[in-house]
């Protein structure tokens, strides 16, 4: 069995037909989707709009959410009463008045619309992904297996949220990855996570032109990488797969001919796994993650043109504190450490 997960960029008006093609070619029977993402650089994600709507109660944010889903339906000519879906969702948000409930509506709407588009069954995550303070794998497994017995062609599940005795509960941002990994764990399935980059890259393509892609990486190294700046996956989703030694493929839905990254129990052959930098207060904090930390790392760092205040090593991560802008820091570090990987 194949579980496929598509992020917000894939669930957008211009990309949804490609999602359909991918699912048909891969024969995936269970698909986890995120809320509609950004259609262009200056666009705003659905979840961010829902956060603003909850915090301000300003209906202008809800109207922007509506515009996204109406465009998704009209652009792809989906036979669904999107106006009724939106009215129903709005009424339930007002009824529950919960931050978690409001945020969950993005994934719920995506799943209902994509299910209609693919002629798949819609599965309600609130009824199947169960929380007892934390995510309950055992209870969720029982619910998911029972629900899937009735599925014929395939099923769509909204990621990021589930249900508890207190109502809907959302995971951390990026939680759709966790939902997909939970499903793979439950069904002992192959998981393919389709993203808008080529896989695990050694640096963000927004910072470095055509950074190298990691062909394979171990579960443990992937977790360290995700906890230290890599945003391609949520770290807990990898832990769920590691428990059963289930491989994860991270692939670009733009370029299916690229192998992407395989996450398994096999370690990466490269020393450098990834690097990132962000502004924290008035400082830039950079993270350089290695599969193993070479003894020459600090010596090589000292020879760069990077004016850093201090650097420290924890496990396989080199943390650097400096003044320069993050993008410049990333490029200097990439030129230093990626040359021999």
C-alpha atoms as a PDB file:
ATOM      1  CA  UNK A   1       0.000   0.000   0.000  1.00  0.00           C
ATOM      2  CA  UNK A   2       1.142   3.546  -0.752  1.00  0.00           C
ATOM      3  CA  UNK A   3       0.341   6.593   1.375  1.00  0.00           C
ATOM      4  CA  UNK A   4       0.931   9.918  -0.380  1.00  0.00           C
ATOM      5  CA  UNK A   5       1.155  13.310   1.268  1.00  0.00           C
ATOM      6  CA  UNK A   6       0.834  16.640  -0.511  1.00  0.00           C
ATOM      7  CA  UNK A   7       1.683  19.974   1.064  1.00  0.00           C
ATOM      8  CA  UNK A   8      -0.031  23.293   0.589  1.00  0.00           C
ATOM      9  CA  UNK A   9       1.854  24.290  -2.552  1.00  0.00           C
ATOM     10  CA  UNK A  10       0.541  21.183  -4.319  1.00  0.00           C
ATOM     11  CA  UNK A  11      -2.994  21.867  -3.130  1.00  0.00           C
ATOM     12  CA  UNK A  12      -3.324  25.056  -5.132  1.00  0.00           C
ATOM     13  CA  UNK A  13      -5.389  25.864  -8.237  1.00  0.00           C
ATOM     14  CA  UNK A  14      -2.619  25.435 -10.811  1.00  0.00           C
ATOM     15  CA  UNK A  15      -1.063  22.331  -9.263  1.00  0.00           C
ATOM     16  CA  UNK A  16      -4.075  20.189  -8.375  1.00  0.00           C
ATOM     17  CA  UNK A  17      -4.304  18.483 -11.771  1.00  0.00           C
ATOM     18  CA  UNK A  18      -0.684  17.430 -11.386  1.00  0.00           C
ATOM     19  CA  UNK A  19      -1.555  15.951  -8.000  1.00  0.00           C
ATOM     20  CA  UNK A  20      -4.253  13.881  -9.716  1.00  0.00           C
ATOM     21  CA  UNK A  21      -1.784  12.620 -12.324  1.00  0.00           C
ATOM     22  CA  UNK A  22       0.727  11.635  -9.645  1.00  0.00           C
ATOM     23  CA  UNK A  23      -1.852   9.740  -7.598  1.00  0.00           C
ATOM     24  CA  UNK A  24      -3.115   7.845 -10.644  1.00  0.00           C
ATOM     25  CA  UNK A  25       0.413   6.853 -11.705  1.00  0.00           C
ATOM     26  CA  UNK A  26       1.510   5.823  -8.205  1.00  0.00           C
ATOM     27  CA  UNK A  27      -1.701   3.885  -7.430  1.00  0.00           C
ATOM     28  CA  UNK A  28      -1.826   5.521  -4.015  1.00  0.00           C
ATOM     29  CA  UNK A  29      -4.940   4.547  -2.069  1.00  0.00           C
ATOM     30  CA  UNK A  30      -4.605   6.862   0.913  1.00  0.00           C
ATOM     31  CA  UNK A  31      -3.767  10.523   0.416  1.00  0.00           C
ATOM     32  CA  UNK A  32      -3.119  13.114   3.132  1.00  0.00           C
ATOM     33  CA  UNK A  33      -3.497  16.751   2.152  1.00  0.00           C
ATOM     34  CA  UNK A  34      -2.683  20.133   3.661  1.00  0.00           C
ATOM     35  CA  UNK A  35      -4.647  23.367   3.501  1.00  0.00           C
ATOM     36  CA  UNK A  36      -4.302  25.404   0.302  1.00  0.00           C
ATOM     37  CA  UNK A  37      -0.860  26.997   0.255  1.00  0.00           C
ATOM     38  CA  UNK A  38       0.651  29.965  -1.510  1.00  0.00           C
ATOM     39  CA  UNK A  39      -0.028  30.402  -5.218  1.00  0.00           C
ATOM     40  CA  UNK A  40       2.714  33.014  -5.570  1.00  0.00           C
ATOM     41  CA  UNK A  41       5.497  34.562  -3.489  1.00  0.00           C
ATOM     42  CA  UNK A  42       3.357  37.365  -2.013  1.00  0.00           C
ATOM     43  CA  UNK A  43       0.382  35.116  -1.304  1.00  0.00           C
ATOM     44  CA  UNK A  44      -0.594  34.121   2.260  1.00  0.00           C
ATOM     45  CA  UNK A  45      -1.098  30.527   3.415  1.00  0.00           C
ATOM     46  CA  UNK A  46      -4.607  29.470   4.401  1.00  0.00           C
ATOM     47  CA  UNK A  47      -3.528  28.516   7.912  1.00  0.00           C
ATOM     48  CA  UNK A  48      -1.993  31.949   8.489  1.00  0.00           C
ATOM     49  CA  UNK A  49      -5.258  33.554   7.363  1.00  0.00           C
ATOM     50  CA  UNK A  50      -7.199  31.330   9.757  1.00  0.00           C
ATOM     51  CA  UNK A  51      -4.879  32.316  12.606  1.00  0.00           C
ATOM     52  CA  UNK A  52      -5.528  35.984  11.853  1.00  0.00           C
ATOM     53  CA  UNK A  53      -9.270  35.344  11.585  1.00  0.00           C
ATOM     54  CA  UNK A  54      -9.374  33.669  14.995  1.00  0.00           C
ATOM     55  CA  UNK A  55      -7.212  36.317  16.688  1.00  0.00           C
ATOM     56  CA  UNK A  56      -8.978  39.373  15.233  1.00  0.00           C
ATOM     57  CA  UNK A  57     -12.465  38.082  14.378  1.00  0.00           C
ATOM     58  CA  UNK A  58     -12.111  40.210  11.248  1.00  0.00           C
ATOM     59  CA  UNK A  59     -14.176  38.653   8.486  1.00  0.00           C
ATOM     60  CA  UNK A  60     -11.821  39.996   5.800  1.00  0.00           C
ATOM     61  CA  UNK A  61      -9.433  37.117   6.599  1.00  0.00           C
ATOM     62  CA  UNK A  62     -12.232  34.574   6.209  1.00  0.00           C
ATOM     63  CA  UNK A  63     -13.162  36.115   2.853  1.00  0.00           C
ATOM     64  CA  UNK A  64      -9.580  35.564   1.678  1.00  0.00           C
ATOM     65  CA  UNK A  65      -9.825  31.914   2.740  1.00  0.00           C
ATOM     66  CA  UNK A  66     -13.053  31.624   0.754  1.00  0.00           C
ATOM     67  CA  UNK A  67     -11.391  33.120  -2.316  1.00  0.00           C
ATOM     68  CA  UNK A  68      -8.672  30.455  -2.192  1.00  0.00           C
ATOM     69  CA  UNK A  69     -11.098  27.530  -2.106  1.00  0.00           C
ATOM     70  CA  UNK A  70     -13.456  29.015  -4.673  1.00  0.00           C
ATOM     71  CA  UNK A  71     -10.527  29.447  -7.053  1.00  0.00           C
ATOM     72  CA  UNK A  72      -9.347  25.891  -6.352  1.00  0.00           C
ATOM     73  CA  UNK A  73     -12.783  24.562  -7.345  1.00  0.00           C
ATOM     74  CA  UNK A  74     -13.431  26.837 -10.338  1.00  0.00           C
ATOM     75  CA  UNK A  75      -9.956  26.487 -11.867  1.00  0.00           C
ATOM     76  CA  UNK A  76     -10.206  22.684 -11.769  1.00  0.00           C
ATOM     77  CA  UNK A  77     -13.947  22.503 -12.553  1.00  0.00           C
ATOM     78  CA  UNK A  78     -14.704  20.367  -9.511  1.00  0.00           C
ATOM     79  CA  UNK A  79     -18.319  19.305  -9.067  1.00  0.00           C
ATOM     80  CA  UNK A  80     -18.806  20.454  -5.483  1.00  0.00           C
ATOM     81  CA  UNK A  81     -20.961  23.153  -3.873  1.00  0.00           C
ATOM     82  CA  UNK A  82     -18.034  25.136  -2.478  1.00  0.00           C
ATOM     83  CA  UNK A  83     -20.286  27.969  -1.265  1.00  0.00           C
ATOM     84  CA  UNK A  84     -22.206  25.558   0.929  1.00  0.00           C
ATOM     85  CA  UNK A  85     -18.971  24.002   2.227  1.00  0.00           C
ATOM     86  CA  UNK A  86     -17.679  27.442   3.208  1.00  0.00           C
ATOM     87  CA  UNK A  87     -20.930  28.540   4.860  1.00  0.00           C
ATOM     88  CA  UNK A  88     -21.058  25.299   6.830  1.00  0.00           C
ATOM     89  CA  UNK A  89     -17.418  25.662   7.910  1.00  0.00           C
ATOM     90  CA  UNK A  90     -17.954  29.300   8.949  1.00  0.00           C
ATOM     91  CA  UNK A  91     -20.972  28.384  11.080  1.00  0.00           C
ATOM     92  CA  UNK A  92     -19.089  25.595  12.822  1.00  0.00           C
ATOM     93  CA  UNK A  93     -16.123  27.888  13.525  1.00  0.00           C
ATOM     94  CA  UNK A  94     -18.489  30.371  15.160  1.00  0.00           C
ATOM     95  CA  UNK A  95     -20.158  27.597  17.120  1.00  0.00           C
ATOM     96  CA  UNK A  96     -16.994  26.040  18.514  1.00  0.00           C
ATOM     97  CA  UNK A  97     -14.983  29.267  18.999  1.00  0.00           C
ATOM     98  CA  UNK A  98     -11.817  27.201  19.359  1.00  0.00           C
ATOM     99  CA  UNK A  99      -8.374  28.104  18.003  1.00  0.00           C
ATOM    100  CA  UNK A 100      -7.733  24.465  17.102  1.00  0.00           C
ATOM    101  CA  UNK A 101     -11.088  24.095  15.383  1.00  0.00           C
ATOM    102  CA  UNK A 102     -10.596  27.226  13.312  1.00  0.00           C
ATOM    103  CA  UNK A 103      -7.142  26.130  12.133  1.00  0.00           C
ATOM    104  CA  UNK A 104      -8.353  22.617  11.269  1.00  0.00           C
ATOM    105  CA  UNK A 105     -10.898  23.899   8.746  1.00  0.00           C
ATOM    106  CA  UNK A 106      -8.220  24.522   6.096  1.00  0.00           C
ATOM    107  CA  UNK A 107      -7.217  20.869   5.906  1.00  0.00           C
ATOM    108  CA  UNK A 108     -10.841  19.746   6.182  1.00  0.00           C
ATOM    109  CA  UNK A 109     -11.898  21.858   3.192  1.00  0.00           C
ATOM    110  CA  UNK A 110      -8.908  20.686   1.133  1.00  0.00           C
ATOM    111  CA  UNK A 111      -9.677  17.038   1.850  1.00  0.00           C
ATOM    112  CA  UNK A 112     -13.382  17.338   0.976  1.00  0.00           C
ATOM    113  CA  UNK A 113     -12.670  19.147  -2.291  1.00  0.00           C
ATOM    114  CA  UNK A 114      -9.802  16.881  -3.361  1.00  0.00           C
ATOM    115  CA  UNK A 115     -11.916  13.816  -2.546  1.00  0.00           C
ATOM    116  CA  UNK A 116     -14.565  15.077  -4.966  1.00  0.00           C
ATOM    117  CA  UNK A 117     -11.912  15.865  -7.574  1.00  0.00           C
ATOM    118  CA  UNK A 118     -10.447  12.350  -7.425  1.00  0.00           C
ATOM    119  CA  UNK A 119     -13.707  10.511  -6.761  1.00  0.00           C
ATOM    120  CA  UNK A 120     -12.153   9.164  -3.575  1.00  0.00           C
ATOM    121  CA  UNK A 121     -13.841   8.642  -0.209  1.00  0.00           C
ATOM    122  CA  UNK A 122     -13.524  11.452   2.312  1.00  0.00           C
ATOM    123  CA  UNK A 123     -12.327  10.406   5.770  1.00  0.00           C
ATOM    124  CA  UNK A 124     -12.927  12.816   8.666  1.00  0.00           C
ATOM    125  CA  UNK A 125      -9.693  13.188  10.626  1.00  0.00           C
ATOM    126  CA  UNK A 126     -11.502  14.297  13.790  1.00  0.00           C
ATOM    127  CA  UNK A 127     -13.064  10.833  14.028  1.00  0.00           C
ATOM    128  CA  UNK A 128      -9.956   8.831  13.156  1.00  0.00           C
ATOM    129  CA  UNK A 129      -6.836  10.612  14.435  1.00  0.00           C
ATOM    130  CA  UNK A 130      -7.234  10.436  18.201  1.00  0.00           C
ATOM    131  CA  UNK A 131      -5.568  12.484  20.915  1.00  0.00           C
ATOM    132  CA  UNK A 132      -5.331  11.612  24.616  1.00  0.00           C
ATOM    133  CA  UNK A 133      -3.360  14.746  25.563  1.00  0.00           C
ATOM    134  CA  UNK A 134      -0.880  13.502  22.949  1.00  0.00           C
ATOM    135  CA  UNK A 135      -1.430  11.618  19.714  1.00  0.00           C
ATOM    136  CA  UNK A 136      -2.641   8.084  20.467  1.00  0.00           C
ATOM    137  CA  UNK A 137      -1.187   5.712  17.895  1.00  0.00           C
ATOM    138  CA  UNK A 138      -3.097   2.715  19.246  1.00  0.00           C
ATOM    139  CA  UNK A 139      -6.558   4.287  19.239  1.00  0.00           C
ATOM    140  CA  UNK A 140      -5.942   6.001  15.911  1.00  0.00           C
ATOM    141  CA  UNK A 141      -4.816   2.706  14.361  1.00  0.00           C
ATOM    142  CA  UNK A 142      -8.019   0.950  15.347  1.00  0.00           C
ATOM    143  CA  UNK A 143     -10.192   3.775  13.986  1.00  0.00           C
ATOM    144  CA  UNK A 144      -8.242   4.136  10.738  1.00  0.00           C
ATOM    145  CA  UNK A 145      -8.264   0.395   9.994  1.00  0.00           C
ATOM    146  CA  UNK A 146     -12.004   0.119  10.565  1.00  0.00           C
ATOM    147  CA  UNK A 147     -12.707   3.151   8.373  1.00  0.00           C
ATOM    148  CA  UNK A 148     -10.472   1.940   5.557  1.00  0.00           C
ATOM    149  CA  UNK A 149     -12.302  -1.387   5.313  1.00  0.00           C
ATOM    150  CA  UNK A 150     -15.145   0.494   3.609  1.00  0.00           C
ATOM    151  CA  UNK A 151     -12.907   2.298   1.109  1.00  0.00           C
ATOM    152  CA  UNK A 152     -13.212   1.176  -2.507  1.00  0.00           C
ATOM    153  CA  UNK A 153     -11.023   3.219  -4.871  1.00  0.00           C
ATOM    154  CA  UNK A 154      -9.100   5.351  -2.388  1.00  0.00           C
ATOM    155  CA  UNK A 155      -9.465   7.854   0.429  1.00  0.00           C
ATOM    156  CA  UNK A 156      -8.504  11.424   1.285  1.00  0.00           C
ATOM    157  CA  UNK A 157      -7.662  12.523   4.814  1.00  0.00           C
ATOM    158  CA  UNK A 158      -6.970  16.052   6.001  1.00  0.00           C
ATOM    159  CA  UNK A 159      -3.647  16.328   7.793  1.00  0.00           C
ATOM    160  CA  UNK A 160      -2.637  18.431  10.796  1.00  0.00           C
ATOM    161  CA  UNK A 161      -5.624  17.719  13.048  1.00  0.00           C
ATOM    162  CA  UNK A 162      -7.613  15.082  14.856  1.00  0.00           C
ATOM    163  CA  UNK A 163     -10.104  14.739  17.687  1.00  0.00           C
ATOM    164  CA  UNK A 164     -10.101  14.433  21.456  1.00  0.00           C
ATOM    165  CA  UNK A 165     -12.799  14.312  24.137  1.00  0.00           C
ATOM    166  CA  UNK A 166     -12.526  18.105  24.231  1.00  0.00           C
ATOM    167  CA  UNK A 167     -13.025  18.540  20.490  1.00  0.00           C
ATOM    168  CA  UNK A 168     -10.655  19.070  17.597  1.00  0.00           C
ATOM    169  CA  UNK A 169      -6.949  19.329  18.242  1.00  0.00           C
ATOM    170  CA  UNK A 170      -4.231  20.439  15.850  1.00  0.00           C
ATOM    171  CA  UNK A 171      -0.618  19.368  15.735  1.00  0.00           C
ATOM    172  CA  UNK A 172       2.300  21.766  15.384  1.00  0.00           C
ATOM    173  CA  UNK A 173       2.722  23.519  12.046  1.00  0.00           C
ATOM    174  CA  UNK A 174       3.890  20.934   9.557  1.00  0.00           C
ATOM    175  CA  UNK A 175       1.637  18.422  11.299  1.00  0.00           C
ATOM    176  CA  UNK A 176       0.271  17.014   8.044  1.00  0.00           C
ATOM    177  CA  UNK A 177       3.597  15.177   7.788  1.00  0.00           C
ATOM    178  CA  UNK A 178       2.794  13.532  11.130  1.00  0.00           C
ATOM    179  CA  UNK A 179      -0.679  12.493   9.971  1.00  0.00           C
ATOM    180  CA  UNK A 180       0.806  10.889   6.853  1.00  0.00           C
ATOM    181  CA  UNK A 181       3.451   9.043   8.868  1.00  0.00           C
ATOM    182  CA  UNK A 182       0.800   7.852  11.313  1.00  0.00           C
ATOM    183  CA  UNK A 183      -1.134   6.356   8.384  1.00  0.00           C
ATOM    184  CA  UNK A 184       1.993   4.668   7.018  1.00  0.00           C
ATOM    185  CA  UNK A 185       2.735   3.316  10.502  1.00  0.00           C
ATOM    186  CA  UNK A 186      -0.798   1.937  10.875  1.00  0.00           C
ATOM    187  CA  UNK A 187      -0.906   0.231   7.460  1.00  0.00           C
ATOM    188  CA  UNK A 188       2.808  -0.676   7.215  1.00  0.00           C
ATOM    189  CA  UNK A 189       2.758   1.329   4.034  1.00  0.00           C
ATOM    190  CA  UNK A 190       5.258   2.972   1.751  1.00  0.00           C
ATOM    191  CA  UNK A 191       5.099   6.745   2.292  1.00  0.00           C
ATOM    192  CA  UNK A 192       5.840   9.282  -0.430  1.00  0.00           C
ATOM    193  CA  UNK A 193       5.915  12.893   0.718  1.00  0.00           C
ATOM    194  CA  UNK A 194       5.631  15.260  -2.257  1.00  0.00           C
ATOM    195  CA  UNK A 195       7.201  18.666  -1.664  1.00  0.00           C
ATOM    196  CA  UNK A 196       8.123  21.753  -3.696  1.00  0.00           C
ATOM    197  CA  UNK A 197      11.875  21.076  -3.564  1.00  0.00           C
ATOM    198  CA  UNK A 198      13.913  18.130  -4.874  1.00  0.00           C
ATOM    199  CA  UNK A 199      14.193  16.462  -1.466  1.00  0.00           C
ATOM    200  CA  UNK A 200      16.528  17.102   1.433  1.00  0.00           C
ATOM    201  CA  UNK A 201      18.843  19.809   0.095  1.00  0.00           C
ATOM    202  CA  UNK A 202      22.095  20.831   1.771  1.00  0.00           C
ATOM    203  CA  UNK A 203      20.763  24.387   1.887  1.00  0.00           C
ATOM    204  CA  UNK A 204      17.527  26.112   1.014  1.00  0.00           C
ATOM    205  CA  UNK A 205      17.192  26.802  -2.733  1.00  0.00           C
ATOM    206  CA  UNK A 206      16.011  30.268  -1.664  1.00  0.00           C
ATOM    207  CA  UNK A 207      19.499  30.927  -0.282  1.00  0.00           C
ATOM    208  CA  UNK A 208      21.839  28.880  -2.491  1.00  0.00           C
ATOM    209  CA  UNK A 209      21.553  28.396  -6.246  1.00  0.00           C
ATOM    210  CA  UNK A 210      20.995  24.700  -7.048  1.00  0.00           C
ATOM    211  CA  UNK A 211      22.202  23.227  -3.740  1.00  0.00           C
ATOM    212  CA  UNK A 212      23.167  19.568  -3.705  1.00  0.00           C
ATOM    213  CA  UNK A 213      20.445  17.072  -2.842  1.00  0.00           C
ATOM    214  CA  UNK A 214      21.009  14.239  -0.372  1.00  0.00           C
ATOM    215  CA  UNK A 215      20.161  10.938  -2.072  1.00  0.00           C
ATOM    216  CA  UNK A 216      19.693   8.989   1.153  1.00  0.00           C
ATOM    217  CA  UNK A 217      19.766   9.770   4.851  1.00  0.00           C
ATOM    218  CA  UNK A 218      19.226   7.797   8.054  1.00  0.00           C
ATOM    219  CA  UNK A 219      16.219   8.304  10.306  1.00  0.00           C
ATOM    220  CA  UNK A 220      18.380   9.686  13.109  1.00  0.00           C
ATOM    221  CA  UNK A 221      20.276  12.111  10.884  1.00  0.00           C
ATOM    222  CA  UNK A 222      17.039  13.312   9.294  1.00  0.00           C
ATOM    223  CA  UNK A 223      15.580  14.029  12.736  1.00  0.00           C
ATOM    224  CA  UNK A 224      18.679  16.008  13.746  1.00  0.00           C
ATOM    225  CA  UNK A 225      18.542  17.911  10.478  1.00  0.00           C
ATOM    226  CA  UNK A 226      14.846  18.779  10.869  1.00  0.00           C
ATOM    227  CA  UNK A 227      15.414  19.946  14.434  1.00  0.00           C
ATOM    228  CA  UNK A 228      18.225  22.222  13.263  1.00  0.00           C
ATOM    229  CA  UNK A 229      16.744  24.257  10.456  1.00  0.00           C
ATOM    230  CA  UNK A 230      15.514  21.921   7.706  1.00  0.00           C
ATOM    231  CA  UNK A 231      11.827  22.671   7.122  1.00  0.00           C
ATOM    232  CA  UNK A 232      11.098  19.975   4.544  1.00  0.00           C
ATOM    233  CA  UNK A 233       9.636  17.572   7.157  1.00  0.00           C
ATOM    234  CA  UNK A 234       8.338  17.565  10.723  1.00  0.00           C
ATOM    235  CA  UNK A 235      10.830  15.609  12.891  1.00  0.00           C
ATOM    236  CA  UNK A 236       8.154  13.548  14.686  1.00  0.00           C
ATOM    237  CA  UNK A 237       6.912  12.123  11.384  1.00  0.00           C
ATOM    238  CA  UNK A 238      10.326  10.490  10.937  1.00  0.00           C
ATOM    239  CA  UNK A 239      10.207   9.002  14.442  1.00  0.00           C
ATOM    240  CA  UNK A 240       6.874   7.330  13.657  1.00  0.00           C
ATOM    241  CA  UNK A 241       8.398   5.642  10.610  1.00  0.00           C
ATOM    242  CA  UNK A 242      11.586   4.665  12.421  1.00  0.00           C
ATOM    243  CA  UNK A 243       9.558   2.634  14.933  1.00  0.00           C
ATOM    244  CA  UNK A 244       8.631   0.182  12.180  1.00  0.00           C
ATOM    245  CA  UNK A 245      11.619   0.756   9.903  1.00  0.00           C
ATOM    246  CA  UNK A 246       9.342   2.100   7.165  1.00  0.00           C
ATOM    247  CA  UNK A 247      11.106   3.980   4.396  1.00  0.00           C
ATOM    248  CA  UNK A 248      10.080   7.477   3.393  1.00  0.00           C
ATOM    249  CA  UNK A 249      10.557   8.991  -0.041  1.00  0.00           C
ATOM    250  CA  UNK A 250      10.719  12.776  -0.230  1.00  0.00           C
ATOM    251  CA  UNK A 251      10.104  13.787  -3.837  1.00  0.00           C
ATOM    252  CA  UNK A 252       9.389  16.920  -5.821  1.00  0.00           C
ATOM    253  CA  UNK A 253       5.926  16.990  -7.356  1.00  0.00           C
ATOM    254  CA  UNK A 254       7.376  19.358  -9.950  1.00  0.00           C
ATOM    255  CA  UNK A 255      10.086  16.908 -11.077  1.00  0.00           C
ATOM    256  CA  UNK A 256       9.139  13.255 -10.709  1.00  0.00           C
ATOM    257  CA  UNK A 257      12.179  12.155 -12.724  1.00  0.00           C
ATOM    258  CA  UNK A 258      14.428  13.218  -9.836  1.00  0.00           C
ATOM    259  CA  UNK A 259      14.938  10.466  -7.268  1.00  0.00           C
ATOM    260  CA  UNK A 260      14.542  12.830  -4.329  1.00  0.00           C
ATOM    261  CA  UNK A 261      15.696  11.644  -0.901  1.00  0.00           C
ATOM    262  CA  UNK A 262      15.207   8.230   0.660  1.00  0.00           C
ATOM    263  CA  UNK A 263      14.920   8.278   4.466  1.00  0.00           C
ATOM    264  CA  UNK A 264      15.689   4.842   5.903  1.00  0.00           C
ATOM    265  CA  UNK A 265      18.139   3.094   8.232  1.00  0.00           C
ATOM    266  CA  UNK A 266      20.927   3.710   5.709  1.00  0.00           C
ATOM    267  CA  UNK A 267      23.295   6.576   6.509  1.00  0.00           C
ATOM    268  CA  UNK A 268      24.138   9.296   4.032  1.00  0.00           C
ATOM    269  CA  UNK A 269      27.506   8.948   2.257  1.00  0.00           C
ATOM    270  CA  UNK A 270      28.054  12.714   2.493  1.00  0.00           C
ATOM    271  CA  UNK A 271      29.545  14.430   5.526  1.00  0.00           C
ATOM    272  CA  UNK A 272      27.517  17.616   5.150  1.00  0.00           C
ATOM    273  CA  UNK A 273      23.787  17.069   5.563  1.00  0.00           C
ATOM    274  CA  UNK A 274      22.493  20.594   5.641  1.00  0.00           C
ATOM    275  CA  UNK A 275      22.929  24.143   6.814  1.00  0.00           C
ATOM    276  CA  UNK A 276      20.674  27.051   7.600  1.00  0.00           C
ATOM    277  CA  UNK A 277      20.762  30.464   9.215  1.00  0.00           C
ATOM    278  CA  UNK A 278      18.196  32.804  10.703  1.00  0.00           C
ATOM    279  CA  UNK A 279      18.100  36.080  12.533  1.00  0.00           C
ATOM    280  CA  UNK A 280      17.579  35.779  16.299  1.00  0.00           C
ATOM    281  CA  UNK A 281      17.361  39.218  17.843  1.00  0.00           C
ATOM    282  CA  UNK A 282      20.322  41.210  16.565  1.00  0.00           C
ATOM    283  CA  UNK A 283      22.402  38.108  15.772  1.00  0.00           C
ATOM    284  CA  UNK A 284      22.449  35.509  13.025  1.00  0.00           C
ATOM    285  CA  UNK A 285      22.468  31.921  14.273  1.00  0.00           C
ATOM    286  CA  UNK A 286      23.686  29.363  11.744  1.00  0.00           C
ATOM    287  CA  UNK A 287      23.445  25.575  11.995  1.00  0.00           C
ATOM    288  CA  UNK A 288      25.694  23.171  10.083  1.00  0.00           C
ATOM    289  CA  UNK A 289      24.676  19.508  10.436  1.00  0.00           C
ATOM    290  CA  UNK A 290      27.036  16.653   9.546  1.00  0.00           C
ATOM    291  CA  UNK A 291      26.542  12.897   9.299  1.00  0.00           C
ATOM    292  CA  UNK A 292      29.699  12.837  11.382  1.00  0.00           C
ATOM    293  CA  UNK A 293      31.561  15.911  12.525  1.00  0.00           C
ATOM    294  CA  UNK A 294      34.998  16.042  10.871  1.00  0.00           C
ATOM    295  CA  UNK A 295      37.896  17.131  13.073  1.00  0.00           C
ATOM    296  CA  UNK A 296      38.789  19.838  10.585  1.00  0.00           C
ATOM    297  CA  UNK A 297      35.382  21.535  10.759  1.00  0.00           C
ATOM    298  CA  UNK A 298      36.339  24.259  13.226  1.00  0.00           C
ATOM    299  CA  UNK A 299      39.708  24.783  11.548  1.00  0.00           C
ATOM    300  CA  UNK A 300      38.034  25.159   8.178  1.00  0.00           C
ATOM    301  CA  UNK A 301      35.478  27.529   9.658  1.00  0.00           C
ATOM    302  CA  UNK A 302      38.279  29.726  11.010  1.00  0.00           C
ATOM    303  CA  UNK A 303      39.664  30.159   7.490  1.00  0.00           C
ATOM    304  CA  UNK A 304      36.415  31.439   6.005  1.00  0.00           C
ATOM    305  CA  UNK A 305      35.496  35.057   5.400  1.00  0.00           C
ATOM    306  CA  UNK A 306      32.760  34.681   7.983  1.00  0.00           C
ATOM    307  CA  UNK A 307      33.193  37.076  10.885  1.00  0.00           C
ATOM    308  CA  UNK A 308      31.722  34.970  13.645  1.00  0.00           C
ATOM    309  CA  UNK A 309      31.708  35.731  17.366  1.00  0.00           C
ATOM    310  CA  UNK A 310      31.692  32.150  18.594  1.00  0.00           C
ATOM    311  CA  UNK A 311      30.949  28.613  17.526  1.00  0.00           C
ATOM    312  CA  UNK A 312      30.013  25.498  19.450  1.00  0.00           C
ATOM    313  CA  UNK A 313      29.651  21.812  18.668  1.00  0.00           C
ATOM    314  CA  UNK A 314      26.798  19.669  19.966  1.00  0.00           C
ATOM    315  CA  UNK A 315      26.605  16.092  18.683  1.00  0.00           C
ATOM    316  CA  UNK A 316      26.857  16.442  14.903  1.00  0.00           C
ATOM    317  CA  UNK A 317      25.732  20.052  14.747  1.00  0.00           C
ATOM    318  CA  UNK A 318      27.994  23.087  14.511  1.00  0.00           C
ATOM    319  CA  UNK A 319      26.260  26.268  15.724  1.00  0.00           C
ATOM    320  CA  UNK A 320      27.716  29.630  14.743  1.00  0.00           C
ATOM    321  CA  UNK A 321      26.842  33.108  16.027  1.00  0.00           C
ATOM    322  CA  UNK A 322      27.668  36.080  13.833  1.00  0.00           C
ATOM    323  CA  UNK A 323      26.560  39.503  12.573  1.00  0.00           C
ATOM    324  CA  UNK A 324      26.132  39.052   8.803  1.00  0.00           C
ATOM    325  CA  UNK A 325      22.777  38.570   7.118  1.00  0.00           C
ATOM    326  CA  UNK A 326      21.522  34.939   7.057  1.00  0.00           C
ATOM    327  CA  UNK A 327      21.623  34.468   3.282  1.00  0.00           C
ATOM    328  CA  UNK A 328      25.237  35.639   3.078  1.00  0.00           C
ATOM    329  CA  UNK A 329      26.158  33.368   5.979  1.00  0.00           C
ATOM    330  CA  UNK A 330      24.534  30.354   4.314  1.00  0.00           C
ATOM    331  CA  UNK A 331      26.417  30.939   1.065  1.00  0.00           C
ATOM    332  CA  UNK A 332      29.778  31.345   2.816  1.00  0.00           C
ATOM    333  CA  UNK A 333      29.227  28.163   4.827  1.00  0.00           C
ATOM    334  CA  UNK A 334      28.008  26.242   1.781  1.00  0.00           C
ATOM    335  CA  UNK A 335      31.138  27.215  -0.177  1.00  0.00           C
ATOM    336  CA  UNK A 336      33.228  26.087   2.775  1.00  0.00           C
ATOM    337  CA  UNK A 337      31.659  22.742   3.651  1.00  0.00           C
ATOM    338  CA  UNK A 338      29.903  21.477   0.518  1.00  0.00           C
ATOM    339  CA  UNK A 339      32.971  21.377  -1.715  1.00  0.00           C
ATOM    340  CA  UNK A 340      34.097  17.858  -0.789  1.00  0.00           C
ATOM    341  CA  UNK A 341      30.781  16.134  -0.118  1.00  0.00           C
END
